[in-house]
Protein backbone atom coordinates (compact mmCIF):
# COMPACT_ATOMS: atom_id res chain seq x y z
CA MET A 1 0.73 -10.12 3.37
CA GLY A 2 4.14 -10.49 3.42
CA ASP A 3 7.21 -8.71 3.38
CA ALA A 4 8.40 -8.27 0.00
CA HIS A 5 5.11 -6.56 -1.54
CA ARG A 6 4.81 -6.62 -5.60
CA VAL A 7 2.99 -4.18 -6.84
CA GLY A 8 1.58 -3.53 -10.17
CA VAL A 9 0.20 -0.36 -11.31
CA VAL A 10 -2.95 -0.07 -13.89
CA GLY A 11 -3.67 3.33 -14.95
CA LEU A 12 -0.70 6.10 -15.68
CA GLY A 13 -3.14 9.63 -15.41
CA VAL A 14 -2.17 12.81 -13.76
CA ILE A 15 -2.51 10.52 -9.95
CA SER A 16 -0.48 8.51 -11.01
CA ARG A 17 2.91 10.87 -10.74
CA ALA A 18 1.76 11.81 -7.25
CA TYR A 19 1.70 7.62 -5.78
CA LEU A 20 4.70 6.77 -8.16
CA ASP A 21 7.48 9.36 -6.33
CA THR A 22 5.87 7.87 -3.03
CA LEU A 23 6.38 3.79 -3.69
CA ALA A 24 9.79 4.31 -6.01
CA GLY A 25 12.65 3.32 -4.05
CA HIS A 26 10.90 2.56 -0.49
CA PRO A 27 11.92 -0.92 0.77
CA ALA A 28 9.27 -2.53 1.42
CA VAL A 29 7.57 -2.17 -1.90
CA ARG A 30 8.53 -3.45 -5.61
CA ILE A 31 6.66 -2.11 -8.38
CA THR A 32 7.22 -4.76 -10.63
CA ALA A 33 4.64 -3.84 -13.48
CA VAL A 34 2.70 -1.22 -14.91
CA ALA A 35 0.00 -1.12 -17.43
CA ASP A 36 -2.23 1.65 -19.44
CA LEU A 37 -4.66 1.29 -22.21
CA ASP A 38 -2.02 4.33 -23.70
CA ALA A 39 1.10 1.31 -24.18
CA SER A 40 3.47 5.03 -24.78
CA ARG A 41 2.58 5.92 -21.45
CA SER A 42 3.64 2.51 -19.92
CA ALA A 43 6.51 2.40 -21.44
CA ALA A 44 7.49 5.99 -20.45
CA ALA A 45 6.69 4.45 -16.48
CA ALA A 46 8.45 1.40 -16.70
CA ALA A 47 11.47 2.83 -18.23
CA GLU A 48 12.05 4.87 -15.04
CA LEU A 49 11.02 2.47 -12.39
CA PRO A 50 14.10 -0.02 -12.64
CA GLY A 51 12.73 -4.06 -12.82
CA ALA A 52 9.40 -2.77 -13.66
CA ARG A 53 7.65 -4.24 -17.02
CA ALA A 54 5.04 -2.39 -19.17
CA LEU A 55 2.49 -4.27 -19.64
CA THR A 56 -0.87 -4.73 -21.25
CA VAL A 57 -4.13 -4.41 -18.47
CA GLU A 58 -4.80 -8.19 -19.01
CA GLU A 59 -1.18 -9.24 -18.73
CA LEU A 60 -0.56 -7.64 -15.61
CA LEU A 61 -3.76 -8.89 -13.96
CA SER A 62 -2.76 -12.24 -14.48
CA SER A 63 1.37 -11.72 -13.96
CA PRO A 64 2.71 -14.07 -11.51
CA ASP A 65 4.94 -10.87 -10.54
CA VAL A 66 2.34 -8.73 -9.14
CA ASP A 67 1.09 -9.23 -5.52
CA THR A 68 -1.18 -6.62 -4.72
CA VAL A 69 -2.62 -3.99 -7.98
CA LEU A 70 -2.87 -0.40 -7.41
CA ASN A 71 -6.04 0.51 -9.80
CA LEU A 72 -5.59 4.43 -10.69
CA THR A 73 -8.16 4.09 -13.49
CA THR A 74 -11.18 6.55 -13.97
CA PRO A 75 -13.97 5.64 -11.75
CA ALA A 76 -15.94 3.98 -14.34
CA ALA A 77 -13.06 1.09 -14.92
CA HIS A 78 -12.57 1.12 -10.88
CA ALA A 79 -14.71 -2.01 -10.48
CA GLY A 80 -13.65 -4.52 -13.48
CA ILE A 81 -10.30 -3.83 -13.23
CA ALA A 82 -10.57 -4.93 -9.38
CA LEU A 83 -11.93 -7.81 -9.81
CA GLY A 84 -10.37 -8.88 -12.61
CA ALA A 85 -7.18 -8.61 -10.24
CA ILE A 86 -9.27 -10.66 -7.40
CA ARG A 87 -10.07 -13.07 -9.87
CA HIS A 88 -6.48 -13.76 -10.59
CA GLY A 89 -6.01 -13.77 -6.60
CA LYS A 90 -4.52 -10.52 -6.22
CA HIS A 91 -5.27 -7.90 -3.69
CA VAL A 92 -6.31 -4.91 -5.27
CA TYR A 93 -6.26 -0.97 -3.58
CA GLY A 94 -7.49 1.65 -5.72
CA GLU A 95 -8.56 5.31 -6.07
CA LYS A 96 -11.42 6.89 -4.95
CA PRO A 97 -14.62 5.51 -4.81
CA LEU A 98 -14.51 2.37 -4.53
CA ALA A 99 -16.63 2.06 -7.75
CA ALA A 100 -18.92 3.60 -9.97
CA GLY A 101 -21.89 2.20 -8.56
CA LEU A 102 -22.99 1.16 -5.09
CA GLU A 103 -23.83 -2.53 -6.81
CA ASP A 104 -20.25 -3.13 -8.70
CA ALA A 105 -18.72 -2.09 -5.37
CA ARG A 106 -20.28 -4.80 -3.06
CA ALA A 107 -19.54 -7.14 -5.84
CA VAL A 108 -16.16 -6.13 -5.58
CA LEU A 109 -15.73 -6.48 -1.74
CA GLU A 110 -18.07 -9.99 -1.80
CA ALA A 111 -15.81 -11.55 -4.68
CA ALA A 112 -12.62 -10.26 -2.49
CA ALA A 113 -14.24 -11.97 0.66
CA LYS A 114 -14.54 -14.99 -1.67
CA ALA A 115 -10.87 -15.42 -2.47
CA GLY A 116 -9.39 -13.90 0.35
CA SER A 117 -8.00 -10.93 -1.15
CA GLY A 118 -7.70 -7.43 0.67
CA VAL A 119 -9.15 -4.34 -0.74
CA GLY A 120 -7.92 -0.79 0.15
CA CYS A 121 -8.94 2.15 -1.12
CA ALA A 122 -8.37 5.88 -0.85
CA PRO A 123 -8.51 8.45 -0.39
CA ASP A 124 -5.80 8.72 2.50
CA THR A 125 -5.17 12.47 3.08
CA VAL A 126 -7.64 11.40 6.12
CA LEU A 127 -4.13 9.59 7.76
CA GLY A 128 -2.41 12.98 8.05
CA THR A 129 -1.42 15.29 11.08
CA GLY A 130 -4.24 17.43 9.62
CA LEU A 131 -7.56 15.50 10.06
CA GLN A 132 -5.52 13.01 12.53
CA THR A 133 -5.04 16.36 14.81
CA ALA A 134 -8.23 16.90 14.58
CA ARG A 135 -9.50 13.55 15.38
CA ALA A 136 -7.52 13.65 18.21
CA ALA A 137 -8.76 16.73 19.68
CA VAL A 138 -11.97 15.51 19.13
CA GLU A 139 -11.66 11.79 21.22
CA ALA A 140 -9.87 13.75 24.23
CA GLY A 141 -12.37 15.90 23.96
CA THR A 142 -11.28 19.04 23.71
CA ILE A 143 -14.59 20.61 22.84
CA GLY A 144 -16.96 18.47 24.70
CA ARG A 145 -19.63 16.59 22.92
CA PRO A 146 -19.77 17.25 19.53
CA GLN A 147 -23.26 19.23 18.72
CA PHE A 148 -23.33 19.30 15.01
CA ALA A 149 -20.56 19.60 12.08
CA THR A 150 -20.84 21.37 8.85
CA ALA A 151 -18.70 20.19 5.40
CA VAL A 152 -18.34 22.44 2.34
CA MET A 153 -16.39 22.00 -1.06
CA VAL A 154 -16.75 25.03 -3.34
CA THR A 155 -14.73 25.17 -7.14
CA PRO A 156 -15.73 26.60 -10.23
CA GLY A 157 -15.36 23.01 -11.65
CA HIS A 158 -12.25 20.66 -12.51
CA GLU A 159 -12.35 21.26 -16.22
CA ARG A 160 -10.54 24.58 -15.72
CA TRP A 161 -6.96 22.52 -14.69
CA HIS A 162 -7.79 19.07 -15.86
CA PRO A 163 -6.84 18.72 -20.40
CA ASN A 164 -9.60 15.55 -20.19
CA PRO A 165 -12.19 16.63 -17.72
CA ASP A 166 -15.28 14.17 -18.97
CA PHE A 167 -15.33 11.74 -15.91
CA TYR A 168 -15.55 14.26 -14.00
CA TYR A 169 -19.66 14.40 -15.78
CA THR A 170 -20.18 11.38 -16.08
CA ALA A 171 -21.82 8.29 -14.42
CA GLY A 172 -19.02 8.38 -11.15
CA GLY A 173 -18.30 11.84 -11.14
CA GLY A 174 -19.77 15.04 -10.43
CA PRO A 175 -18.78 17.49 -7.27
CA LEU A 176 -20.31 14.69 -4.72
CA LEU A 177 -18.80 11.28 -5.83
CA ASP A 178 -15.03 13.29 -7.12
CA MET A 179 -14.47 15.25 -3.63
CA GLY A 180 -17.22 13.28 -1.32
CA PRO A 181 -14.66 10.79 -0.48
CA TYR A 182 -12.71 12.96 1.49
CA TYR A 183 -15.11 14.59 3.42
CA LEU A 184 -17.22 11.91 3.88
CA SER A 185 -14.05 9.47 4.58
CA SER A 186 -12.84 12.50 7.00
CA LEU A 187 -16.29 12.86 9.09
CA VAL A 188 -16.47 9.28 9.74
CA HIS A 189 -13.43 8.94 11.31
CA LEU A 190 -14.59 12.38 14.04
CA LEU A 191 -17.73 11.38 14.24
CA GLY A 192 -18.73 7.97 13.07
CA PRO A 193 -20.51 6.16 10.49
CA VAL A 194 -24.24 7.47 9.17
CA ARG A 195 -27.55 5.88 9.38
CA ALA A 196 -29.19 8.02 7.58
CA VAL A 197 -29.25 11.00 4.46
CA THR A 198 -31.35 13.69 3.06
CA GLY A 199 -29.94 15.43 -0.08
CA ALA A 200 -31.34 18.12 -3.08
CA ALA A 201 -29.27 18.39 -6.11
CA GLY A 202 -29.22 20.72 -8.72
CA ARG A 203 -27.36 21.05 -12.57
CA PRO A 204 -27.37 24.69 -13.85
CA ARG A 205 -25.09 24.30 -17.23
CA ALA A 206 -25.81 21.56 -19.81
CA GLU A 207 -21.88 21.67 -20.40
CA ARG A 208 -18.84 22.90 -19.55
CA VAL A 209 -15.76 23.79 -21.53
CA ILE A 210 -12.66 23.14 -20.84
CA GLY A 211 -9.85 25.23 -20.30
CA SER A 212 -6.34 24.21 -20.67
CA GLY A 213 -4.36 21.55 -22.48
CA PRO A 214 -5.18 20.71 -26.40
CA ARG A 215 -8.23 20.57 -25.65
CA ALA A 216 -8.80 24.21 -24.77
CA GLY A 217 -12.31 25.44 -25.35
CA GLU A 218 -13.74 22.41 -26.13
CA ARG A 219 -17.59 22.10 -25.14
CA ILE A 220 -18.53 18.63 -22.75
CA PRO A 221 -21.95 17.95 -21.85
CA VAL A 222 -22.35 17.60 -18.28
CA GLU A 223 -24.36 14.42 -17.55
CA VAL A 224 -24.71 14.67 -13.61
CA ASP A 225 -25.65 16.69 -10.86
CA SER A 226 -23.23 19.25 -10.13
CA HIS A 227 -24.33 20.87 -6.83
CA VAL A 228 -25.04 18.39 -3.97
CA SER A 229 -26.02 19.27 -0.41
CA GLY A 230 -27.53 17.14 1.91
CA VAL A 231 -27.67 16.51 5.76
CA LEU A 232 -26.31 13.15 7.44
CA GLU A 233 -27.30 12.20 10.55
CA HIS A 234 -24.52 10.10 12.12
CA VAL A 235 -24.92 6.70 14.61
CA ASP A 236 -24.73 8.94 17.79
CA GLY A 237 -26.75 11.56 16.95
CA THR A 238 -25.48 13.91 15.51
CA LEU A 239 -25.49 15.42 11.66
CA THR A 240 -23.99 16.96 9.24
CA THR A 241 -24.34 19.81 6.88
CA LEU A 242 -22.55 19.02 3.56
CA THR A 243 -22.35 20.88 0.53
CA THR A 244 -20.17 19.83 -2.61
CA SER A 245 -20.24 21.82 -5.34
CA PHE A 246 -18.26 22.58 -8.84
CA ASP A 247 -21.16 25.69 -9.13
CA GLY A 248 -19.27 28.35 -7.46
CA VAL A 249 -16.39 30.37 -7.72
CA ALA A 250 -15.20 30.40 -3.83
CA THR A 251 -15.79 30.65 -0.34
CA THR A 252 -15.04 31.45 2.92
CA ALA A 253 -15.77 28.61 4.72
CA ALA A 254 -13.59 26.19 7.06
CA PRO A 255 -13.85 22.76 4.67
CA ILE A 256 -14.75 21.18 7.99
CA GLU A 257 -15.57 22.33 11.06
CA VAL A 258 -16.74 20.27 14.38
CA HIS A 259 -19.28 22.22 17.26
CA GLY A 260 -19.17 20.80 20.55
CA GLU A 261 -20.55 21.50 24.10
CA SER A 262 -17.38 23.90 25.26
CA GLY A 263 -15.82 24.71 21.60
CA SER A 264 -15.30 24.49 18.12
CA LEU A 265 -13.28 22.74 15.80
CA SER A 266 -11.65 24.47 12.48
CA VAL A 267 -10.69 21.37 9.85
CA PRO A 268 -8.23 22.01 7.32
CA ASP A 269 -8.92 20.69 3.59
CA PRO A 270 -9.39 16.83 3.90
CA ASN A 271 -8.08 16.86 0.49
CA ARG A 272 -4.47 17.59 2.29
CA PHE A 273 -2.87 15.67 4.23
CA ASP A 274 -1.76 18.58 6.51
CA GLY A 275 -2.54 22.39 7.66
CA GLU A 276 -3.39 23.53 10.63
CA VAL A 277 -6.70 22.79 12.53
CA ARG A 278 -8.03 25.47 15.01
CA LEU A 279 -9.72 25.49 18.15
CA HIS A 280 -12.44 28.59 19.61
CA ALA A 281 -12.97 26.97 23.29
CA LEU A 282 -16.24 28.25 24.91
CA GLY A 283 -15.32 31.53 26.58
CA ASP A 284 -12.33 32.31 24.22
CA THR A 285 -12.00 36.40 22.20
CA ARG A 286 -10.19 34.15 19.27
CA TRP A 287 -9.35 31.01 17.64
CA ARG A 288 -6.36 29.35 18.40
CA THR A 289 -4.07 26.79 16.07
CA LEU A 290 -3.29 23.53 17.95
CA PRO A 291 0.07 21.60 17.53
CA MET A 292 -0.20 18.60 15.47
CA SER A 293 -0.35 15.51 17.67
CA ALA A 294 -1.30 12.33 15.26
CA GLY A 295 -1.00 11.57 11.75
CA TYR A 296 1.64 10.73 9.25
CA ALA A 297 3.64 13.35 9.07
CA ASP A 298 4.00 15.05 5.60
CA GLY A 299 2.16 12.29 4.00
CA ALA A 300 2.00 12.20 0.51
CA ARG A 301 -0.59 10.03 -1.97
CA GLY A 302 -0.04 5.96 -1.25
CA VAL A 303 0.77 6.45 2.43
CA GLY A 304 -2.81 4.23 2.50
CA LEU A 305 -1.41 2.14 -0.10
CA LEU A 306 1.94 1.50 2.16
CA ASP A 307 -0.27 1.10 5.14
CA PHE A 308 -2.41 -1.50 3.40
CA LEU A 309 0.44 -3.38 2.77
CA THR A 310 2.14 -3.31 5.94
CA THR A 311 -0.64 -4.24 7.98
CA ASP A 312 0.63 -7.51 10.69
CA GLY A 313 -2.61 -8.70 11.33
CA GLU A 314 -4.01 -7.41 14.53
CA ARG A 315 -5.49 -4.31 13.14
CA ALA A 316 -7.69 -3.54 10.06
CA PRO A 317 -6.20 -1.41 6.57
CA ARG A 318 -7.04 2.03 7.60
CA ALA A 319 -7.94 2.90 4.11
CA ASN A 320 -10.50 -0.39 3.66
CA GLY A 321 -12.61 -1.60 1.37
CA GLU A 322 -16.01 -1.43 4.22
CA LEU A 323 -15.50 2.11 4.70
CA ALA A 324 -15.26 3.16 0.98
CA LEU A 325 -17.90 1.01 0.83
CA HIS A 326 -19.86 3.14 3.07
CA VAL A 327 -18.50 6.56 2.07
CA LEU A 328 -20.11 5.23 -1.14
CA GLU A 329 -23.52 3.83 -0.18
CA THR A 330 -23.81 7.67 0.99
CA MET A 331 -23.00 9.39 -1.22
CA THR A 332 -25.48 7.39 -3.60
CA ALA A 333 -27.68 7.80 -1.35
CA LEU A 334 -27.74 11.63 -0.83
CA LEU A 335 -28.09 11.75 -4.97
CA ARG A 336 -31.38 9.54 -4.88
CA SER A 337 -33.01 10.97 -2.12
CA ALA A 338 -32.31 14.06 -3.62
CA ALA A 339 -33.96 12.20 -6.63
CA GLU A 340 -37.03 10.83 -4.83
CA GLY A 341 -37.53 13.67 -2.33
CA ARG A 342 -36.94 11.39 0.79
CA ARG A 343 -34.98 10.63 4.07
CA ILE A 344 -33.30 7.31 2.83
CA GLU A 345 -31.84 4.84 5.63
CA LEU A 346 -28.49 3.66 5.18
CA THR A 347 -27.64 -0.21 4.93
CA THR A 348 -23.78 -0.24 5.59
CA SER A 349 -21.73 0.59 8.07
CA ALA A 350 -17.74 0.89 8.57
CA LYS A 351 -16.00 1.16 11.81
CA VAL A 352 -13.85 3.87 12.72
CA PRO A 353 -10.52 3.28 11.77
CA GLU A 354 -7.51 2.69 13.90
CA ALA A 355 -6.39 6.36 14.79
CA VAL A 356 -2.50 6.83 13.55
CA PRO A 357 0.27 7.83 15.73
CA LEU A 358 2.45 10.66 14.80
CA THR A 359 4.73 9.13 12.71
CA SER A 360 7.40 10.68 11.19
CA ALA A 361 8.36 10.99 7.20
CA ALA A 362 11.38 8.96 7.36
CA ARG A 363 9.26 6.05 9.62
CA TRP A 364 6.63 5.24 6.93
CA ARG A 365 8.91 6.14 3.77
CA GLY A 366 11.30 3.37 5.15
CA ARG A 367 14.39 5.22 6.25
CA GLN A 368 16.65 4.77 9.76
CA GLU A 369 15.38 7.68 11.65
């Protein structure tokens, strides 16, 4: 994609700050434009970014000064923004999920293939030292052949902290589509793609109460399942039991555990870039922490976009559209399985992205070491 990466940012909500902190000042990236439905947000962001213009969304998508669109809109808008960027010959990298629905996600990748545009998608937390160190341990045979895994995400709901949490409880939201991409992307890195799923889901509450901000106390409807469980069958036969919930207060379960013939591995929160990877080898009496051995050190939101932009043609971007589509189908198939009460075989697959060697923050941030 060349050396001068001109990026336009669409969507300047809560998550945008982390991306801007990572990208602003990186020698390989220039943020040339920003856009949001709230013009005041665009103006405020542009004022902080030398050389960036505050534009309307359509102006940004068609701007000749933008090569890649960073799509940070809500899930329901992901496909529309991505397709608009592709129509104007641009690459697109978006927040997860790739789209709110599977067919829209397929349409994005089909349009990109025809146009010769690249598609990347979060999460990029899986490229940090936590998950990549765990992956390196699995691939080195530290726990022997994997037998099964568990993945657990339990919170009381994002309305407790997010001032505008409505989209978490509408189409494209819910605990699975919101947090599942972190867990499922991690599981693909660790155990490979998924061939079939069986799911169950529920919606214990019809509404939620916003807990903070100017709308505190307001009730919002719950239009999606807020608790989803299921079993994933990986292509190699390994099984993962998955639970994602906005209906629990807390849990002591590890976010991910991989159990092998000769050891068990505790994997840190996949919503973080770092964290301890712990091993309990067969015959040991305790868990021990493994040294950091792989991944982008001190990772931050946007490292996946940097990886996407600096791909040299010898490998696929690690946070790529093919993986995002497979993760989305896995999630939507779980929801469909729950609704229909049957096992569902997937129609997509994905290559396991290339592992990330241990890379210092100075190096991936483009600074001299």
